[in-house]
Amino acid sequence: MEDESIAVTATTVRVPVFYGHSESVNIEFERELTPDMARKLLKKAPGVKVVDDPAKNKYPLALDAAGKDDTFVGRIRVDDTVKYGLNMWIVADNIRKGAALNAVQIAESLIKKYM
């Protein structure tokens, strides 16, 4: 995020899957960002899929992210432990998004920007 003043707390959760990272992330903002505002922003982010309807048992699962390039975000809710905080659950295929795909995306960005 290139802003060291943003406080982020992340918790990794180990689940029995072949591929995947799952993280519970708490973020503290400088001003209010509601869960609905966060969902709208994240839906516009490239490579991000919002899966967030707990009433219908729809939230990101590592199993669903396996073999896909996108990062899945859900369970977006207010974090009452800080003034302007949100909690969210984030999952991705760690082999694709956490390793190989990231290297390709970084190289593409460098080529576009510097060549």
N, C-alpha and C. Protein backbone atom coordinates (compact mmCIF):
# COMPACT_ATOMS: atom_id res chain seq x y z
N MET A 1 0.82 -1.19 0.00
CA MET A 1 0.00 0.00 0.00
C MET A 1 0.86 1.26 0.00
N GLU A 2 2.16 1.07 0.19
CA GLU A 2 3.13 2.15 0.12
C GLU A 2 2.83 3.30 1.08
N ASP A 3 2.24 2.99 2.24
CA ASP A 3 1.96 3.99 3.26
C ASP A 3 2.18 3.34 4.62
N GLU A 4 3.34 3.56 5.19
CA GLU A 4 3.70 2.90 6.45
C GLU A 4 2.87 3.37 7.63
N SER A 5 2.07 4.43 7.47
CA SER A 5 1.24 4.89 8.58
C SER A 5 -0.05 4.08 8.70
N ILE A 6 -0.34 3.22 7.71
CA ILE A 6 -1.53 2.37 7.77
C ILE A 6 -1.20 1.16 8.63
N ALA A 7 -1.99 0.96 9.68
CA ALA A 7 -1.78 -0.18 10.58
C ALA A 7 -2.51 -1.39 10.04
N VAL A 8 -1.80 -2.49 9.84
CA VAL A 8 -2.39 -3.72 9.34
C VAL A 8 -1.95 -4.87 10.25
N THR A 9 -2.92 -5.68 10.67
CA THR A 9 -2.63 -6.88 11.43
C THR A 9 -3.17 -8.05 10.63
N ALA A 10 -2.33 -9.03 10.34
CA ALA A 10 -2.75 -10.19 9.56
C ALA A 10 -2.50 -11.46 10.36
N THR A 11 -3.43 -12.41 10.25
CA THR A 11 -3.30 -13.70 10.91
C THR A 11 -3.44 -14.78 9.86
N THR A 12 -2.45 -15.62 9.74
CA THR A 12 -2.52 -16.73 8.79
C THR A 12 -3.18 -17.92 9.47
N VAL A 13 -4.05 -18.59 8.75
CA VAL A 13 -4.77 -19.74 9.28
C VAL A 13 -4.42 -20.95 8.43
N ARG A 14 -3.96 -22.00 9.05
CA ARG A 14 -3.63 -23.22 8.30
C ARG A 14 -4.87 -24.10 8.21
N VAL A 15 -5.21 -24.44 6.99
CA VAL A 15 -6.34 -25.33 6.75
C VAL A 15 -5.88 -26.45 5.83
N PRO A 16 -6.50 -27.61 5.89
CA PRO A 16 -6.04 -28.74 5.09
C PRO A 16 -6.46 -28.65 3.62
N VAL A 17 -5.68 -27.89 2.84
CA VAL A 17 -5.91 -27.78 1.40
C VAL A 17 -4.59 -28.01 0.69
N PHE A 18 -4.65 -28.37 -0.57
CA PHE A 18 -3.42 -28.60 -1.33
C PHE A 18 -2.72 -27.28 -1.64
N TYR A 19 -3.50 -26.27 -2.06
CA TYR A 19 -2.94 -24.99 -2.42
C TYR A 19 -3.79 -23.90 -1.78
N GLY A 20 -3.16 -22.93 -1.21
CA GLY A 20 -3.94 -21.78 -0.73
C GLY A 20 -3.35 -21.09 0.47
N HIS A 21 -3.58 -19.79 0.50
CA HIS A 21 -3.31 -18.97 1.66
C HIS A 21 -4.65 -18.45 2.14
N SER A 22 -4.84 -18.44 3.44
CA SER A 22 -6.04 -17.85 4.04
C SER A 22 -5.58 -16.92 5.14
N GLU A 23 -6.08 -15.71 5.13
CA GLU A 23 -5.65 -14.73 6.12
C GLU A 23 -6.84 -13.95 6.67
N SER A 24 -6.83 -13.76 7.97
CA SER A 24 -7.74 -12.84 8.62
C SER A 24 -6.98 -11.54 8.76
N VAL A 25 -7.49 -10.47 8.15
CA VAL A 25 -6.76 -9.21 8.11
C VAL A 25 -7.58 -8.12 8.81
N ASN A 26 -6.92 -7.39 9.71
CA ASN A 26 -7.52 -6.24 10.39
C ASN A 26 -6.78 -5.01 9.89
N ILE A 27 -7.53 -4.01 9.45
CA ILE A 27 -6.92 -2.79 8.91
C ILE A 27 -7.51 -1.59 9.63
N GLU A 28 -6.63 -0.68 10.07
CA GLU A 28 -7.08 0.56 10.69
C GLU A 28 -6.83 1.71 9.70
N PHE A 29 -7.88 2.50 9.46
CA PHE A 29 -7.81 3.60 8.50
C PHE A 29 -7.75 4.94 9.22
N GLU A 30 -7.39 5.96 8.46
CA GLU A 30 -7.32 7.31 9.01
C GLU A 30 -8.72 7.90 9.20
N ARG A 31 -9.65 7.48 8.34
CA ARG A 31 -11.04 7.94 8.45
C ARG A 31 -11.96 6.76 8.16
N GLU A 32 -13.23 6.95 8.38
CA GLU A 32 -14.18 5.84 8.26
C GLU A 32 -14.24 5.28 6.84
N LEU A 33 -14.22 3.96 6.77
CA LEU A 33 -14.48 3.23 5.55
C LEU A 33 -15.44 2.12 5.94
N THR A 34 -16.68 2.23 5.49
CA THR A 34 -17.68 1.24 5.87
C THR A 34 -17.45 -0.05 5.10
N PRO A 35 -17.99 -1.16 5.59
CA PRO A 35 -17.88 -2.41 4.84
C PRO A 35 -18.45 -2.29 3.42
N ASP A 36 -19.57 -1.58 3.26
CA ASP A 36 -20.14 -1.41 1.91
C ASP A 36 -19.21 -0.63 1.00
N MET A 37 -18.58 0.43 1.54
CA MET A 37 -17.62 1.21 0.75
C MET A 37 -16.44 0.33 0.36
N ALA A 38 -15.95 -0.49 1.30
CA ALA A 38 -14.82 -1.37 1.01
C ALA A 38 -15.18 -2.38 -0.07
N ARG A 39 -16.38 -2.95 0.01
CA ARG A 39 -16.82 -3.91 -1.02
C ARG A 39 -16.82 -3.26 -2.40
N LYS A 40 -17.35 -2.05 -2.48
CA LYS A 40 -17.41 -1.34 -3.78
C LYS A 40 -16.01 -1.08 -4.33
N LEU A 41 -15.10 -0.64 -3.46
CA LEU A 41 -13.73 -0.39 -3.90
C LEU A 41 -13.04 -1.67 -4.35
N LEU A 42 -13.20 -2.73 -3.56
CA LEU A 42 -12.52 -3.99 -3.86
C LEU A 42 -13.07 -4.63 -5.14
N LYS A 43 -14.36 -4.44 -5.42
CA LYS A 43 -14.94 -4.98 -6.66
C LYS A 43 -14.32 -4.36 -7.90
N LYS A 44 -13.78 -3.15 -7.75
CA LYS A 44 -13.14 -2.46 -8.88
C LYS A 44 -11.65 -2.81 -9.01
N ALA A 45 -11.09 -3.45 -8.01
CA ALA A 45 -9.65 -3.75 -8.00
C ALA A 45 -9.34 -4.91 -8.94
N PRO A 46 -8.35 -4.74 -9.82
CA PRO A 46 -8.01 -5.85 -10.73
C PRO A 46 -7.47 -7.05 -9.95
N GLY A 47 -7.93 -8.23 -10.32
CA GLY A 47 -7.45 -9.45 -9.69
C GLY A 47 -8.09 -9.77 -8.36
N VAL A 48 -9.12 -9.00 -7.97
CA VAL A 48 -9.81 -9.23 -6.70
C VAL A 48 -11.25 -9.61 -6.98
N LYS A 49 -11.71 -10.64 -6.30
CA LYS A 49 -13.11 -11.06 -6.38
C LYS A 49 -13.69 -10.98 -4.98
N VAL A 50 -14.80 -10.24 -4.84
CA VAL A 50 -15.47 -10.13 -3.55
C VAL A 50 -16.51 -11.23 -3.46
N VAL A 51 -16.40 -12.05 -2.43
CA VAL A 51 -17.36 -13.12 -2.15
C VAL A 51 -17.79 -12.88 -0.70
N ASP A 52 -18.92 -12.19 -0.52
CA ASP A 52 -19.24 -11.71 0.82
C ASP A 52 -20.74 -11.67 1.06
N ASP A 53 -21.31 -12.81 1.38
CA ASP A 53 -22.72 -12.90 1.74
C ASP A 53 -22.89 -13.97 2.81
N PRO A 54 -22.46 -13.67 4.05
CA PRO A 54 -22.53 -14.66 5.13
C PRO A 54 -23.94 -15.21 5.38
N ALA A 55 -24.96 -14.40 5.11
CA ALA A 55 -26.34 -14.87 5.31
C ALA A 55 -26.65 -16.06 4.42
N LYS A 56 -25.96 -16.15 3.29
CA LYS A 56 -26.14 -17.28 2.36
C LYS A 56 -24.94 -18.22 2.39
N ASN A 57 -24.12 -18.11 3.46
CA ASN A 57 -22.91 -18.92 3.61
C ASN A 57 -21.97 -18.76 2.41
N LYS A 58 -21.86 -17.54 1.91
CA LYS A 58 -20.94 -17.26 0.80
C LYS A 58 -19.81 -16.39 1.32
N TYR A 59 -18.64 -16.96 1.36
CA TYR A 59 -17.42 -16.27 1.76
C TYR A 59 -16.26 -17.01 1.14
N PRO A 60 -15.09 -16.38 1.06
CA PRO A 60 -13.97 -17.02 0.37
C PRO A 60 -13.47 -18.29 1.06
N LEU A 61 -13.21 -19.30 0.27
CA LEU A 61 -12.62 -20.55 0.75
C LEU A 61 -11.37 -20.85 -0.07
N ALA A 62 -10.34 -21.33 0.58
CA ALA A 62 -9.11 -21.69 -0.13
C ALA A 62 -9.40 -22.72 -1.22
N LEU A 63 -10.30 -23.61 -0.96
CA LEU A 63 -10.67 -24.64 -1.94
C LEU A 63 -11.18 -23.99 -3.23
N ASP A 64 -11.96 -22.92 -3.10
CA ASP A 64 -12.50 -22.24 -4.28
C ASP A 64 -11.44 -21.44 -5.03
N ALA A 65 -10.39 -21.00 -4.33
CA ALA A 65 -9.33 -20.20 -4.95
C ALA A 65 -8.31 -21.07 -5.68
N ALA A 66 -8.24 -22.35 -5.34
CA ALA A 66 -7.24 -23.24 -5.92
C ALA A 66 -7.34 -23.26 -7.45
N GLY A 67 -6.19 -23.05 -8.10
CA GLY A 67 -6.13 -23.07 -9.55
C GLY A 67 -6.56 -21.77 -10.21
N LYS A 68 -6.84 -20.74 -9.42
CA LYS A 68 -7.28 -19.46 -9.97
C LYS A 68 -6.25 -18.38 -9.67
N ASP A 69 -6.19 -17.36 -10.51
CA ASP A 69 -5.24 -16.27 -10.34
C ASP A 69 -5.74 -15.18 -9.41
N ASP A 70 -7.05 -15.08 -9.22
CA ASP A 70 -7.62 -14.00 -8.42
C ASP A 70 -7.38 -14.18 -6.93
N THR A 71 -7.49 -13.08 -6.21
CA THR A 71 -7.50 -13.09 -4.75
C THR A 71 -8.95 -12.84 -4.33
N PHE A 72 -9.45 -13.65 -3.41
CA PHE A 72 -10.85 -13.60 -3.00
C PHE A 72 -10.95 -12.95 -1.62
N VAL A 73 -11.89 -12.01 -1.48
CA VAL A 73 -12.04 -11.26 -0.23
C VAL A 73 -13.50 -11.33 0.21
N GLY A 74 -13.70 -11.51 1.51
CA GLY A 74 -15.05 -11.54 2.05
C GLY A 74 -15.06 -11.38 3.55
N ARG A 75 -16.23 -11.61 4.14
CA ARG A 75 -16.43 -11.43 5.58
C ARG A 75 -15.93 -10.04 6.01
N ILE A 76 -16.23 -9.06 5.18
CA ILE A 76 -15.80 -7.68 5.45
C ILE A 76 -16.75 -7.10 6.50
N ARG A 77 -16.17 -6.70 7.63
CA ARG A 77 -16.99 -6.21 8.73
C ARG A 77 -16.21 -5.19 9.55
N VAL A 78 -16.94 -4.44 10.36
CA VAL A 78 -16.33 -3.41 11.20
C VAL A 78 -15.50 -4.09 12.29
N ASP A 79 -14.32 -3.53 12.53
CA ASP A 79 -13.45 -3.95 13.64
C ASP A 79 -13.68 -2.96 14.77
N ASP A 80 -14.39 -3.37 15.80
CA ASP A 80 -14.73 -2.48 16.89
C ASP A 80 -13.58 -2.20 17.85
N THR A 81 -12.41 -2.80 17.62
CA THR A 81 -11.30 -2.59 18.54
C THR A 81 -10.53 -1.30 18.26
N VAL A 82 -10.80 -0.69 17.11
CA VAL A 82 -10.16 0.57 16.75
C VAL A 82 -11.22 1.51 16.17
N LYS A 83 -10.91 2.81 16.12
CA LYS A 83 -11.91 3.79 15.69
C LYS A 83 -12.38 3.57 14.25
N TYR A 84 -11.46 3.40 13.32
CA TYR A 84 -11.81 3.23 11.91
C TYR A 84 -11.21 1.94 11.38
N GLY A 85 -11.73 0.82 11.82
CA GLY A 85 -11.14 -0.45 11.43
C GLY A 85 -12.11 -1.37 10.71
N LEU A 86 -11.52 -2.22 9.88
CA LEU A 86 -12.27 -3.28 9.20
C LEU A 86 -11.53 -4.59 9.38
N ASN A 87 -12.28 -5.66 9.42
CA ASN A 87 -11.75 -7.02 9.36
C ASN A 87 -12.21 -7.62 8.04
N MET A 88 -11.37 -8.48 7.47
CA MET A 88 -11.78 -9.19 6.26
C MET A 88 -11.03 -10.52 6.17
N TRP A 89 -11.56 -11.42 5.42
CA TRP A 89 -10.98 -12.75 5.18
C TRP A 89 -10.52 -12.78 3.74
N ILE A 90 -9.26 -13.14 3.52
CA ILE A 90 -8.68 -13.11 2.18
C ILE A 90 -8.05 -14.46 1.87
N VAL A 91 -8.34 -15.01 0.70
CA VAL A 91 -7.74 -16.28 0.29
C VAL A 91 -7.24 -16.19 -1.15
N ALA A 92 -6.22 -16.98 -1.44
CA ALA A 92 -5.67 -17.06 -2.80
C ALA A 92 -4.93 -18.38 -2.93
N ASP A 93 -4.72 -18.79 -4.15
CA ASP A 93 -3.89 -19.95 -4.45
C ASP A 93 -2.44 -19.50 -4.31
N ASN A 94 -1.74 -19.98 -3.30
CA ASN A 94 -0.39 -19.49 -3.01
C ASN A 94 0.63 -19.89 -4.07
N ILE A 95 0.36 -20.89 -4.85
CA ILE A 95 1.29 -21.27 -5.92
C ILE A 95 1.13 -20.30 -7.10
N ARG A 96 -0.10 -19.94 -7.39
CA ARG A 96 -0.34 -19.04 -8.52
C ARG A 96 -0.15 -17.59 -8.10
N LYS A 97 -0.97 -17.12 -7.20
CA LYS A 97 -0.92 -15.70 -6.80
C LYS A 97 0.24 -15.43 -5.85
N GLY A 98 0.57 -16.34 -5.03
CA GLY A 98 1.62 -16.09 -4.05
C GLY A 98 3.02 -16.29 -4.57
N ALA A 99 3.19 -16.80 -5.76
CA ALA A 99 4.55 -17.10 -6.24
C ALA A 99 4.68 -16.78 -7.72
N ALA A 100 4.35 -17.72 -8.57
CA ALA A 100 4.61 -17.59 -10.01
C ALA A 100 3.91 -16.39 -10.64
N LEU A 101 2.63 -16.23 -10.39
CA LEU A 101 1.89 -15.14 -11.03
C LEU A 101 2.42 -13.79 -10.58
N ASN A 102 2.76 -13.65 -9.30
CA ASN A 102 3.31 -12.38 -8.82
C ASN A 102 4.57 -12.01 -9.59
N ALA A 103 5.46 -12.96 -9.81
CA ALA A 103 6.70 -12.70 -10.53
C ALA A 103 6.40 -12.22 -11.95
N VAL A 104 5.45 -12.84 -12.61
CA VAL A 104 5.08 -12.44 -13.97
C VAL A 104 4.48 -11.04 -13.96
N GLN A 105 3.58 -10.76 -13.00
CA GLN A 105 2.95 -9.44 -12.94
C GLN A 105 3.96 -8.34 -12.64
N ILE A 106 4.92 -8.61 -11.79
CA ILE A 106 5.97 -7.63 -11.50
C ILE A 106 6.80 -7.38 -12.76
N ALA A 107 7.18 -8.43 -13.46
CA ALA A 107 7.96 -8.28 -14.69
C ALA A 107 7.17 -7.48 -15.73
N GLU A 108 5.89 -7.77 -15.90
CA GLU A 108 5.06 -7.04 -16.85
C GLU A 108 4.98 -5.56 -16.49
N SER A 109 4.85 -5.27 -15.21
CA SER A 109 4.80 -3.89 -14.75
C SER A 109 6.10 -3.16 -15.03
N LEU A 110 7.22 -3.82 -14.77
CA LEU A 110 8.52 -3.21 -15.03
C LEU A 110 8.74 -2.95 -16.51
N ILE A 111 8.34 -3.90 -17.34
CA ILE A 111 8.48 -3.74 -18.79
C ILE A 111 7.63 -2.57 -19.27
N LYS A 112 6.40 -2.49 -18.80
CA LYS A 112 5.50 -1.41 -19.21
C LYS A 112 6.03 -0.05 -18.75
N LYS A 113 6.57 -0.01 -17.56
CA LYS A 113 6.99 1.27 -16.97
C LYS A 113 8.36 1.74 -17.44
N TYR A 114 9.28 0.80 -17.69
CA TYR A 114 10.68 1.17 -17.95
C TYR A 114 11.21 0.79 -19.33
N MET A 115 10.44 0.12 -20.15
CA MET A 115 10.96 -0.28 -21.45
C MET A 115 10.12 0.25 -22.58
